[in-house]
Amino acid sequence: MATKMSLEHAVDAFAAFMVLLSVLLTYFVHPGFVWLTVFVGANLFQQAFTGFCPAAIVLRKACGFRPAGEAAR
């Protein structure tokens, strides 16, 4: 039986994807895409202190991901 990905892991995976995508876009398309990397990093930094993450809200409502405590039930 496969386990469902928790909201926390989905946010981590999404952030990692966005960082990698922004690095590729910076290298292959335009140097200005480095600001996307900065934006993702800033979001991760503020989320570590405040607990507020816009991506988590979207992933929970649109994709149905649940926090680890809820996913285990």
Protein backbone atom coordinates (compact mmCIF):
# COMPACT_ATOMS: atom_id res chain seq x y z
CA MET A 1 0.00 0.00 0.00
CA ALA A 2 1.41 3.37 -1.02
CA THR A 3 1.44 6.16 1.52
CA LYS A 4 0.16 9.59 0.66
CA MET A 5 2.57 12.48 0.66
CA SER A 6 2.05 14.86 3.56
CA LEU A 7 1.53 18.57 3.07
CA GLU A 8 4.96 19.33 4.55
CA HIS A 9 6.70 17.01 2.09
CA ALA A 10 4.66 18.40 -0.79
CA VAL A 11 5.74 21.95 0.11
CA ASP A 12 9.39 20.83 0.30
CA ALA A 13 9.13 19.09 -3.07
CA PHE A 14 7.44 22.11 -4.65
CA ALA A 15 10.07 24.51 -3.27
CA ALA A 16 12.90 22.27 -4.51
CA PHE A 17 11.30 22.08 -7.95
CA MET A 18 10.90 25.86 -8.09
CA VAL A 19 14.54 26.44 -7.10
CA LEU A 20 15.79 24.01 -9.74
CA LEU A 21 13.47 25.47 -12.37
CA SER A 22 14.55 29.01 -11.60
CA VAL A 23 18.24 28.05 -11.84
CA LEU A 24 17.63 26.46 -15.23
CA LEU A 25 15.67 29.49 -16.43
CA THR A 26 18.42 31.80 -15.18
CA TYR A 27 21.08 29.84 -17.03
CA PHE A 28 19.24 29.12 -20.29
CA VAL A 29 16.71 31.96 -20.68
CA HIS A 30 17.57 35.18 -18.83
CA PRO A 31 19.66 36.17 -15.80
CA GLY A 32 16.66 38.01 -14.36
CA PHE A 33 15.11 34.67 -13.37
CA VAL A 34 17.54 34.63 -10.46
CA TRP A 35 14.93 36.74 -8.67
CA LEU A 36 12.57 33.76 -8.73
CA THR A 37 15.21 31.84 -6.76
CA VAL A 38 15.49 34.73 -4.32
CA PHE A 39 11.70 34.86 -3.93
CA VAL A 40 11.46 31.13 -3.19
CA GLY A 41 14.32 31.35 -0.70
CA ALA A 42 12.76 34.35 1.03
CA ASN A 43 9.43 32.51 1.29
CA LEU A 44 11.14 29.48 2.84
CA PHE A 45 12.99 31.71 5.29
CA GLN A 46 9.89 33.59 6.47
CA GLN A 47 7.91 30.33 6.68
CA ALA A 48 10.51 28.90 9.04
CA PHE A 49 9.80 31.72 11.51
CA THR A 50 6.11 32.46 10.98
CA GLY A 51 4.67 29.11 9.90
CA PHE A 52 2.77 30.90 7.12
CA CYS A 53 3.28 29.42 3.64
CA PRO A 54 1.14 30.47 0.66
CA ALA A 55 2.15 27.35 -1.26
CA ALA A 56 0.85 25.15 1.59
CA ILE A 57 -2.53 26.87 1.41
CA VAL A 58 -2.78 26.27 -2.34
CA LEU A 59 -1.54 22.66 -2.12
CA ARG A 60 -4.00 21.90 0.65
CA LYS A 61 -7.06 23.45 -1.00
CA ALA A 62 -6.39 22.67 -4.66
CA CYS A 63 -4.59 19.34 -4.42
CA GLY A 64 -5.97 17.88 -1.21
CA PHE A 65 -2.68 17.41 0.67
CA ARG A 66 -3.03 17.07 4.44
CA PRO A 67 -0.56 17.79 7.26
CA ALA A 68 1.41 14.79 8.53
CA GLY A 69 -0.82 14.42 11.61
CA GLU A 70 -4.00 14.32 9.53
CA ALA A 71 -2.49 12.15 6.80
CA ALA A 72 -1.64 9.41 9.31
CA ARG A 73 -5.27 8.96 10.36
